[in-house]
Amino acid sequence: MSQQGAALQNYNNELVKCIEDLCGKRDELQRQILIEEEDKHKIENDIRLASEKLARINENLAKKVTARTEFDRTISETEAAYMKILESSQTLLNVLKRESHSLRTKVDD
């Protein structure tokens, strides 16, 4: 019987050692899980902050593009009006020269 008792004690010791090893591995795995969950939460927060920043940048960019389009429209309209003024000035100058010449001719006669 003592042989069987010794074998049983041996099995019991091995069983306890295996359970302790499994608990140690589980504890290490739990530690790794906690670290990775912490990393995951940090990355999720970074993504959230980056997404918010991207949304603000897109909003500001849209406003600036709209403003630039308004500038382009105003510049284009102003340049077109300026060209009309130049054409009118040129026409007025030509009329004035013609009339001036005509008046000189009448005065000289």
Protein backbone atom coordinates (compact mmCIF):
# COMPACT_ATOMS: atom_id res chain seq x y z
CA MET A 1 0.00 0.00 0.00
CA SER A 2 2.80 2.34 0.72
CA GLN A 3 3.81 2.06 -2.89
CA GLN A 4 0.35 3.07 -3.97
CA GLY A 5 0.33 5.89 -1.41
CA ALA A 6 3.66 7.12 -2.73
CA ALA A 7 2.41 6.97 -6.32
CA LEU A 8 -0.75 8.81 -5.32
CA GLN A 9 1.32 11.44 -3.54
CA ASN A 10 3.53 11.71 -6.61
CA TYR A 11 0.49 12.17 -8.89
CA ASN A 12 -0.92 14.72 -6.49
CA ASN A 13 2.36 16.68 -6.47
CA GLU A 14 2.52 16.63 -10.28
CA LEU A 15 -1.13 17.66 -10.51
CA VAL A 16 -0.55 20.60 -8.15
CA LYS A 17 2.57 21.60 -10.13
CA CYS A 18 0.65 21.45 -13.42
CA ILE A 19 -2.16 23.54 -11.95
CA GLU A 20 0.36 26.06 -10.61
CA ASP A 21 2.05 26.20 -14.03
CA LEU A 22 -1.32 26.74 -15.74
CA CYS A 23 -2.19 29.49 -13.23
CA GLY A 24 1.16 31.15 -13.88
CA LYS A 25 0.63 31.02 -17.65
CA ARG A 26 -2.91 32.34 -17.20
CA ASP A 27 -1.61 35.21 -15.02
CA GLU A 28 1.01 36.10 -17.63
CA LEU A 29 -1.62 35.98 -20.36
CA GLN A 30 -3.90 38.20 -18.25
CA ARG A 31 -1.04 40.70 -17.81
CA GLN A 32 -0.48 40.77 -21.58
CA ILE A 33 -4.22 41.20 -22.18
CA LEU A 34 -4.33 44.19 -19.82
CA ILE A 35 -1.35 45.80 -21.56
CA GLU A 36 -2.88 45.27 -25.00
CA GLU A 37 -6.28 46.54 -23.86
CA GLU A 38 -4.58 49.66 -22.51
CA ASP A 39 -2.77 50.11 -25.83
CA LYS A 40 -6.06 49.55 -27.68
CA HIS A 41 -7.85 52.21 -25.62
CA LYS A 42 -5.00 54.66 -26.17
CA ILE A 43 -5.06 54.06 -29.92
CA GLU A 44 -8.86 54.36 -30.02
CA ASN A 45 -8.58 57.67 -28.18
CA ASP A 46 -5.86 58.85 -30.57
CA ILE A 47 -8.08 57.88 -33.51
CA ARG A 48 -11.01 59.77 -31.98
CA LEU A 49 -8.88 62.87 -31.46
CA ALA A 50 -7.44 62.61 -34.97
CA SER A 51 -10.94 62.18 -36.42
CA GLU A 52 -12.16 65.27 -34.58
CA LYS A 53 -9.15 67.23 -35.80
CA LEU A 54 -9.74 66.00 -39.35
CA ALA A 55 -13.37 67.10 -39.16
CA ARG A 56 -12.32 70.58 -37.99
CA ILE A 57 -9.70 70.82 -40.74
CA ASN A 58 -12.21 69.72 -43.39
CA GLU A 59 -14.72 72.29 -42.13
CA ASN A 60 -12.12 75.09 -42.17
CA LEU A 61 -10.88 73.97 -45.56
CA ALA A 62 -14.40 74.05 -47.01
CA LYS A 63 -14.89 77.58 -45.67
CA LYS A 64 -11.58 78.71 -47.14
CA VAL A 65 -12.32 77.14 -50.52
CA THR A 66 -15.69 78.92 -50.56
CA ALA A 67 -14.00 82.21 -49.66
CA ARG A 68 -11.38 81.67 -52.37
CA THR A 69 -14.14 81.02 -54.91
CA GLU A 70 -15.76 84.30 -53.88
CA PHE A 71 -12.41 86.08 -54.29
CA ASP A 72 -12.02 84.55 -57.74
CA ARG A 73 -15.53 85.65 -58.73
CA THR A 74 -15.00 89.19 -57.40
CA ILE A 75 -11.62 89.49 -59.13
CA SER A 76 -13.06 88.21 -62.40
CA GLU A 77 -16.01 90.62 -62.25
CA THR A 78 -13.73 93.52 -61.31
CA GLU A 79 -11.31 92.75 -64.14
CA ALA A 80 -14.21 92.53 -66.62
CA ALA A 81 -15.59 95.88 -65.41
CA TYR A 82 -12.10 97.42 -65.58
CA MET A 83 -11.71 96.20 -69.17
CA LYS A 84 -15.05 97.84 -70.06
CA ILE A 85 -13.83 101.07 -68.45
CA LEU A 86 -10.60 100.87 -70.48
CA GLU A 87 -12.56 100.24 -73.69
CA SER A 88 -14.90 103.15 -72.90
CA SER A 89 -11.91 105.37 -72.11
CA GLN A 90 -10.29 104.41 -75.39
CA THR A 91 -13.54 105.11 -77.27
CA LEU A 92 -13.95 108.44 -75.46
CA LEU A 93 -10.37 109.39 -76.29
CA ASN A 94 -10.89 108.54 -79.95
CA VAL A 95 -14.12 110.59 -80.05
CA LEU A 96 -12.39 113.49 -78.30
CA LYS A 97 -9.46 113.40 -80.75
CA ARG A 98 -11.84 113.27 -83.72
CA GLU A 99 -13.95 116.13 -82.38
CA SER A 100 -10.85 118.12 -81.48
CA HIS A 101 -9.49 117.67 -85.00
CA SER A 102 -12.86 118.56 -86.46
CA LEU A 103 -13.04 121.73 -84.36
CA ARG A 104 -9.48 122.73 -85.30
CA THR A 105 -10.33 122.27 -88.93
CA LYS A 106 -13.41 124.50 -88.56
CA VAL A 107 -11.45 127.13 -86.64
CA ASP A 108 -8.62 127.11 -89.21
CA ASP A 109 -11.07 127.59 -92.10
